[in-house]
PDB file of N, CA and C in Angstrom:
ATOM      1  N   MET A   1       0.838  -1.134   0.011  1.00  0.00           N
ATOM      2  CA  MET A   1       0.022  -0.133  -0.071  1.00  0.00           C
ATOM      3  C   MET A   1       0.886   1.259  -0.084  1.00  0.00           C
ATOM      4  N   SER A   2       0.824   2.001  -0.975  1.00  0.00           N
ATOM      5  CA  SER A   2       1.604   3.211  -1.091  1.00  0.00           C
ATOM      6  C   SER A   2       0.936   4.445  -0.606  1.00  0.00           C
ATOM      7  N   GLU A   3      -0.231   4.420  -0.229  1.00  0.00           N
ATOM      8  CA  GLU A   3      -0.927   5.704   0.340  1.00  0.00           C
ATOM      9  C   GLU A   3      -0.464   5.888   1.723  1.00  0.00           C
ATOM     10  N   ARG A   4      -0.260   7.062   2.063  1.00  0.00           N
ATOM     11  CA  ARG A   4       0.298   7.357   3.432  1.00  0.00           C
ATOM     12  C   ARG A   4      -0.853   7.579   4.290  1.00  0.00           C
ATOM     13  N   CYS A   5      -1.939   8.231   3.906  1.00  0.00           N
ATOM     14  CA  CYS A   5      -3.199   8.554   4.649  1.00  0.00           C
ATOM     15  C   CYS A   5      -3.976   7.344   5.186  1.00  0.00           C
ATOM     16  N   ILE A   6      -4.199   7.266   6.283  1.00  0.00           N
ATOM     17  CA  ILE A   6      -5.163   6.228   6.879  1.00  0.00           C
ATOM     18  C   ILE A   6      -6.542   6.124   6.386  1.00  0.00           C
ATOM     19  N   CYS A   7      -6.981   7.296   5.768  1.00  0.00           N
ATOM     20  CA  CYS A   7      -8.337   7.269   5.188  1.00  0.00           C
ATOM     21  C   CYS A   7      -8.300   6.827   3.734  1.00  0.00           C
ATOM     22  N   GLY A   8      -7.202   6.718   3.244  1.00  0.00           N
ATOM     23  CA  GLY A   8      -6.952   6.250   1.970  1.00  0.00           C
ATOM     24  C   GLY A   8      -7.284   7.286   0.733  1.00  0.00           C
ATOM     25  N   GLY A   9      -6.960   8.541   1.283  1.00  0.00           N
ATOM     26  CA  GLY A   9      -7.142   9.667   0.460  1.00  0.00           C
ATOM     27  C   GLY A   9      -8.488  10.189   0.292  1.00  0.00           C
ATOM     28  N   LYS A  10      -9.465   9.695   1.119  1.00  0.00           N
ATOM     29  CA  LYS A  10     -10.758  10.086   1.212  1.00  0.00           C
ATOM     30  C   LYS A  10     -11.158  11.243   2.091  1.00  0.00           C
ATOM     31  N   GLY A  11     -10.030  11.724   2.764  1.00  0.00           N
ATOM     32  CA  GLY A  11     -10.273  12.764   3.642  1.00  0.00           C
ATOM     33  C   GLY A  11     -11.141  14.065   3.052  1.00  0.00           C
ATOM     34  N   PRO A  12     -10.577  14.479   1.953  1.00  0.00           N
ATOM     35  CA  PRO A  12     -11.152  15.758   1.332  1.00  0.00           C
ATOM     36  C   PRO A  12     -12.675  15.454   1.027  1.00  0.00           C
ATOM     37  N   ALA A  13     -12.941  14.502   0.460  1.00  0.00           N
ATOM     38  CA  ALA A  13     -14.494  13.952   0.171  1.00  0.00           C
ATOM     39  C   ALA A  13     -15.178  13.852   1.405  1.00  0.00           C
ATOM     40  N   VAL A  14     -14.681  13.194   2.457  1.00  0.00           N
ATOM     41  CA  VAL A  14     -15.413  13.234   3.743  1.00  0.00           C
ATOM     42  C   VAL A  14     -15.648  14.484   4.392  1.00  0.00           C
ATOM     43  N   SER A  15     -14.636  15.413   4.282  1.00  0.00           N
ATOM     44  CA  SER A  15     -14.788  16.828   4.843  1.00  0.00           C
ATOM     45  C   SER A  15     -15.823  17.532   3.968  1.00  0.00           C
ATOM     46  N   GLU A  16     -15.935  17.428   2.812  1.00  0.00           N
ATOM     47  CA  GLU A  16     -16.888  18.094   2.039  1.00  0.00           C
ATOM     48  C   GLU A  16     -18.328  17.695   2.258  1.00  0.00           C
ATOM     49  N   MET A  17     -18.457  16.253   2.415  1.00  0.00           N
ATOM     50  CA  MET A  17     -19.613  15.609   2.915  1.00  0.00           C
ATOM     51  C   MET A  17     -20.153  16.224   4.064  1.00  0.00           C
ATOM     52  N   LEU A  18     -19.288  16.309   5.149  1.00  0.00           N
ATOM     53  CA  LEU A  18     -19.778  16.844   6.322  1.00  0.00           C
ATOM     54  C   LEU A  18     -20.085  18.326   6.272  1.00  0.00           C
ATOM     55  N   ARG A  19     -19.366  19.080   5.616  1.00  0.00           N
ATOM     56  CA  ARG A  19     -19.631  20.514   5.319  1.00  0.00           C
ATOM     57  C   ARG A  19     -21.142  20.718   4.725  1.00  0.00           C
ATOM     58  N   THR A  20     -21.432  19.780   3.819  1.00  0.00           N
ATOM     59  CA  THR A  20     -22.714  19.930   3.101  1.00  0.00           C
ATOM     60  C   THR A  20     -23.762  19.522   4.080  1.00  0.00           C
ATOM     61  N   MET A  21     -23.659  18.595   4.922  1.00  0.00           N
ATOM     62  CA  MET A  21     -24.461  17.987   5.849  1.00  0.00           C
ATOM     63  C   MET A  21     -24.709  18.945   7.222  1.00  0.00           C
ATOM     64  N   MET A  22     -23.783  19.753   7.564  1.00  0.00           N
ATOM     65  CA  MET A  22     -23.842  20.405   8.823  1.00  0.00           C
ATOM     66  C   MET A  22     -24.588  21.683   8.656  1.00  0.00           C
ATOM     67  N   PRO A  23     -25.643  21.788   9.566  1.00  0.00           N
ATOM     68  CA  PRO A  23     -26.376  23.074   9.495  1.00  0.00           C
ATOM     69  C   PRO A  23     -25.648  24.205   9.756  1.00  0.00           C
ATOM     70  N   ASP A  24     -25.852  25.474   9.419  1.00  0.00           N
ATOM     71  CA  ASP A  24     -25.094  26.556   9.710  1.00  0.00           C
ATOM     72  C   ASP A  24     -25.058  26.889  11.229  1.00  0.00           C
ATOM     73  N   THR A  25     -25.974  26.589  11.926  1.00  0.00           N
ATOM     74  CA  THR A  25     -25.943  26.805  13.346  1.00  0.00           C
ATOM     75  C   THR A  25     -24.911  25.925  14.071  1.00  0.00           C
ATOM     76  N   ALA A  26     -24.797  24.714  13.619  1.00  0.00           N
ATOM     77  CA  ALA A  26     -23.727  23.840  14.218  1.00  0.00           C
ATOM     78  C   ALA A  26     -22.443  24.211  13.824  1.00  0.00           C
ATOM     79  N   GLY A  27     -22.174  24.907  12.701  1.00  0.00           N
ATOM     80  CA  GLY A  27     -20.885  25.491  12.339  1.00  0.00           C
ATOM     81  C   GLY A  27     -20.443  26.610  13.246  1.00  0.00           C
ATOM     82  N   GLU A  28     -21.651  27.509  13.532  1.00  0.00           N
ATOM     83  CA  GLU A  28     -21.487  28.679  14.327  1.00  0.00           C
ATOM     84  C   GLU A  28     -20.962  28.106  15.843  1.00  0.00           C
ATOM     85  N   HIS A  29     -21.638  27.157  16.231  1.00  0.00           N
ATOM     86  CA  HIS A  29     -21.336  26.612  17.641  1.00  0.00           C
ATOM     87  C   HIS A  29     -19.781  26.131  17.592  1.00  0.00           C
ATOM     88  N   PHE A  30     -19.291  25.419  16.576  1.00  0.00           N
ATOM     89  CA  PHE A  30     -17.954  24.902  16.590  1.00  0.00           C
ATOM     90  C   PHE A  30     -17.002  26.136  16.385  1.00  0.00           C
ATOM     91  N   LYS A  31     -17.403  27.192  15.696  1.00  0.00           N
ATOM     92  CA  LYS A  31     -16.527  28.383  15.566  1.00  0.00           C
ATOM     93  C   LYS A  31     -16.403  29.113  16.955  1.00  0.00           C
ATOM     94  N   ASN A  32     -17.614  29.133  17.539  1.00  0.00           N
ATOM     95  CA  ASN A  32     -17.496  29.740  18.926  1.00  0.00           C
ATOM     96  C   ASN A  32     -16.728  29.050  19.922  1.00  0.00           C
ATOM     97  N   GLY A  33     -16.894  27.737  19.841  1.00  0.00           N
ATOM     98  CA  GLY A  33     -16.149  26.779  20.708  1.00  0.00           C
ATOM     99  C   GLY A  33     -14.623  26.971  20.570  1.00  0.00           C
ATOM    100  N   THR A  34     -14.319  27.025  19.300  1.00  0.00           N
ATOM    101  CA  THR A  34     -12.801  27.158  19.047  1.00  0.00           C
ATOM    102  C   THR A  34     -12.424  28.553  19.391  1.00  0.00           C
ATOM    103  N   LEU A  35     -13.204  29.614  19.168  1.00  0.00           N
ATOM    104  CA  LEU A  35     -12.711  30.833  19.745  1.00  0.00           C
ATOM    105  C   LEU A  35     -12.631  30.771  21.228  1.00  0.00           C
ATOM    106  N   GLU A  36     -13.571  30.313  22.097  1.00  0.00           N
ATOM    107  CA  GLU A  36     -13.443  30.292  23.499  1.00  0.00           C
ATOM    108  C   GLU A  36     -12.171  29.387  23.987  1.00  0.00           C
ATOM    109  N   PHE A  37     -12.005  28.301  23.105  1.00  0.00           N
ATOM    110  CA  PHE A  37     -10.864  27.452  23.489  1.00  0.00           C
ATOM    111  C   PHE A  37      -9.443  28.416  23.364  1.00  0.00           C
ATOM    112  N   LEU A  38      -9.445  29.040  22.311  1.00  0.00           N
ATOM    113  CA  LEU A  38      -8.119  29.842  22.054  1.00  0.00           C
ATOM    114  C   LEU A  38      -8.164  30.987  23.092  1.00  0.00           C
ATOM    115  N   LYS A  39      -9.286  31.766  23.498  1.00  0.00           N
ATOM    116  CA  LYS A  39      -9.117  32.704  24.481  1.00  0.00           C
ATOM    117  C   LYS A  39      -8.488  32.163  25.717  1.00  0.00           C
ATOM    118  N   GLY A  40      -9.011  30.727  26.082  1.00  0.00           N
ATOM    119  CA  GLY A  40      -8.638  30.162  27.254  1.00  0.00           C
ATOM    120  C   GLY A  40      -7.022  30.069  27.229  1.00  0.00           C
ATOM    121  N   LEU A  41      -6.528  29.664  26.070  1.00  0.00           N
ATOM    122  CA  LEU A  41      -5.053  29.366  26.022  1.00  0.00           C
ATOM    123  C   LEU A  41      -4.379  30.790  26.022  1.00  0.00           C
ATOM    124  N   ARG A  42      -5.063  31.720  25.503  1.00  0.00           N
ATOM    125  CA  ARG A  42      -4.265  33.201  25.677  1.00  0.00           C
ATOM    126  C   ARG A  42      -4.161  33.558  27.014  1.00  0.00           C
ATOM    127  N   ASP A  43      -5.405  33.232  27.970  1.00  0.00           N
ATOM    128  CA  ASP A  43      -5.187  33.594  29.220  1.00  0.00           C
ATOM    129  C   ASP A  43      -4.318  32.924  30.190  1.00  0.00           C
ATOM    130  N   LEU A  44      -4.127  31.478  29.688  1.00  0.00           N
ATOM    131  CA  LEU A  44      -3.072  30.752  30.394  1.00  0.00           C
ATOM    132  C   LEU A  44      -1.610  31.393  30.000  1.00  0.00           C
ATOM    133  N   LEU A  45      -1.456  31.712  28.897  1.00  0.00           N
ATOM    134  CA  LEU A  45      -0.197  32.207  28.296  1.00  0.00           C
ATOM    135  C   LEU A  45       0.115  33.581  28.978  1.00  0.00           C
ATOM    136  N   ASP A  46      -0.966  34.470  29.054  1.00  0.00           N
ATOM    137  CA  ASP A  46      -0.877  35.656  29.664  1.00  0.00           C
ATOM    138  C   ASP A  46      -0.310  35.631  30.975  1.00  0.00           C
ATOM    139  N   GLN A  47      -0.966  34.651  31.712  1.00  0.00           N
ATOM    140  CA  GLN A  47      -0.555  34.420  33.281  1.00  0.00           C
ATOM    141  C   GLN A  47       0.806  34.063  33.235  1.00  0.00           C
ATOM    142  N   ARG A  48       1.067  33.078  32.545  1.00  0.00           N
ATOM    143  CA  ARG A  48       2.542  32.460  32.639  1.00  0.00           C
ATOM    144  C   ARG A  48       3.559  33.733  32.261  1.00  0.00           C
ATOM    145  N   ILE A  49       3.301  34.467  31.132  1.00  0.00           N
ATOM    146  CA  ILE A  49       4.174  35.540  30.949  1.00  0.00           C
ATOM    147  C   ILE A  49       4.263  36.543  31.969  1.00  0.00           C
ATOM    148  N   GLN A  50       3.194  36.970  32.650  1.00  0.00           N
ATOM    149  CA  GLN A  50       3.109  37.777  33.676  1.00  0.00           C
ATOM    150  C   GLN A  50       3.975  37.372  34.882  1.00  0.00           C
ATOM    151  N   THR A  51       3.749  35.944  35.221  1.00  0.00           N
ATOM    152  CA  THR A  51       4.634  35.311  36.294  1.00  0.00           C
ATOM    153  C   THR A  51       6.047  35.425  36.054  1.00  0.00           C
ATOM    154  N   MET A  52       6.407  35.064  34.886  1.00  0.00           N
ATOM    155  CA  MET A  52       7.929  35.016  34.453  1.00  0.00           C
ATOM    156  C   MET A  52       8.453  36.281  34.355  1.00  0.00           C
ATOM    157  N   SER A  53       7.574  37.268  34.118  1.00  0.00           N
ATOM    158  CA  SER A  53       8.142  38.651  33.879  1.00  0.00           C
ATOM    159  C   SER A  53       8.492  39.359  35.205  1.00  0.00           C
ATOM    160  N   GLU A  54       7.710  38.912  36.396  1.00  0.00           N
ATOM    161  CA  GLU A  54       7.907  39.580  37.646  1.00  0.00           C
ATOM    162  C   GLU A  54       9.409  39.381  38.138  1.00  0.00           C
ATOM    163  N   PRO A  55       9.922  40.424  38.659  1.00  0.00           N
ATOM    164  CA  PRO A  55      11.236  40.314  39.298  1.00  0.00           C
ATOM    165  C   PRO A  55      11.292  39.242  40.424  1.00  0.00           C
ATOM    166  N   GLN A  56      12.343  38.517  40.463  1.00  0.00           N
ATOM    167  CA  GLN A  56      12.590  37.452  41.432  1.00  0.00           C
ATOM    168  C   GLN A  56      13.070  38.219  42.878  1.00  0.00           C
ATOM    169  N   THR A  57      12.200  37.916  43.811  1.00  0.00           N
ATOM    170  CA  THR A  57      12.604  38.481  45.130  1.00  0.00           C
ATOM    171  C   THR A  57      13.657  37.536  45.872  1.00  0.00           C
ATOM    172  N   LYS A  58      14.595  38.302  46.373  1.00  0.00           N
ATOM    173  CA  LYS A  58      15.624  37.316  47.196  1.00  0.00           C
ATOM    174  C   LYS A  58      15.121  37.403  48.477  1.00  0.00           C
ATOM    175  N   GLY A  59      15.734  36.275  49.282  1.00  0.00           N
ATOM    176  CA  GLY A  59      15.424  36.214  50.668  1.00  0.00           C
ATOM    177  C   GLY A  59      15.994  37.165  51.540  1.00  0.00           C
ATOM    178  N   THR A  60      15.619  37.168  52.735  1.00  0.00           N
ATOM    179  CA  THR A  60      16.054  38.235  53.663  1.00  0.00           C
ATOM    180  C   THR A  60      17.431  37.704  54.336  1.00  0.00           C
ATOM    181  N   LYS A  61      18.289  38.587  54.324  1.00  0.00           N
ATOM    182  CA  LYS A  61      19.692  38.243  55.054  1.00  0.00           C
ATOM    183  C   LYS A  61      19.712  38.405  56.415  1.00  0.00           C
ATOM    184  N   LEU A  62      20.037  37.276  57.162  1.00  0.00           N
ATOM    185  CA  LEU A  62      19.858  37.363  58.578  1.00  0.00           C
ATOM    186  C   LEU A  62      21.484  37.098  59.102  1.00  0.00           C
ATOM    187  N   ASN A  63      21.656  37.813  60.140  1.00  0.00           N
ATOM    188  CA  ASN A  63      23.020  37.555  60.884  1.00  0.00           C
ATOM    189  C   ASN A  63      22.823  36.492  61.894  1.00  0.00           C
ATOM    190  N   VAL A  64      23.640  35.401  61.752  1.00  0.00           N
ATOM    191  CA  VAL A  64      23.587  34.349  62.640  1.00  0.00           C
ATOM    192  C   VAL A  64      24.894  34.518  63.643  1.00  0.00           C
ATOM    193  N   GLU A  65      24.506  34.329  64.938  1.00  0.00           N
ATOM    194  CA  GLU A  65      25.711  34.451  65.894  1.00  0.00           C
ATOM    195  C   GLU A  65      26.093  33.104  66.356  1.00  0.00           C
TER     196      GLU A  65
END
C-alpha cells in the first residue's frame, strides 16, 4: 500500500460531505467553541508571561551568631 493517509485519500471527500450536511448553526457553535478555547489558551499564556516577567525576590539576609 503506497498511500500514506489512513483514510486512503478520502479525507477531502469526507470533509466536503460533512460541510454539506452540517447546518449553519452547528458550524457557528463549533466556531464559537474554537474561539473560546483559544481565548482560554491566551489567558493561560498571559498568566505565565506575567509570572515569568515579575522580578525574582531575594530572601532576607540574617546575621547568625
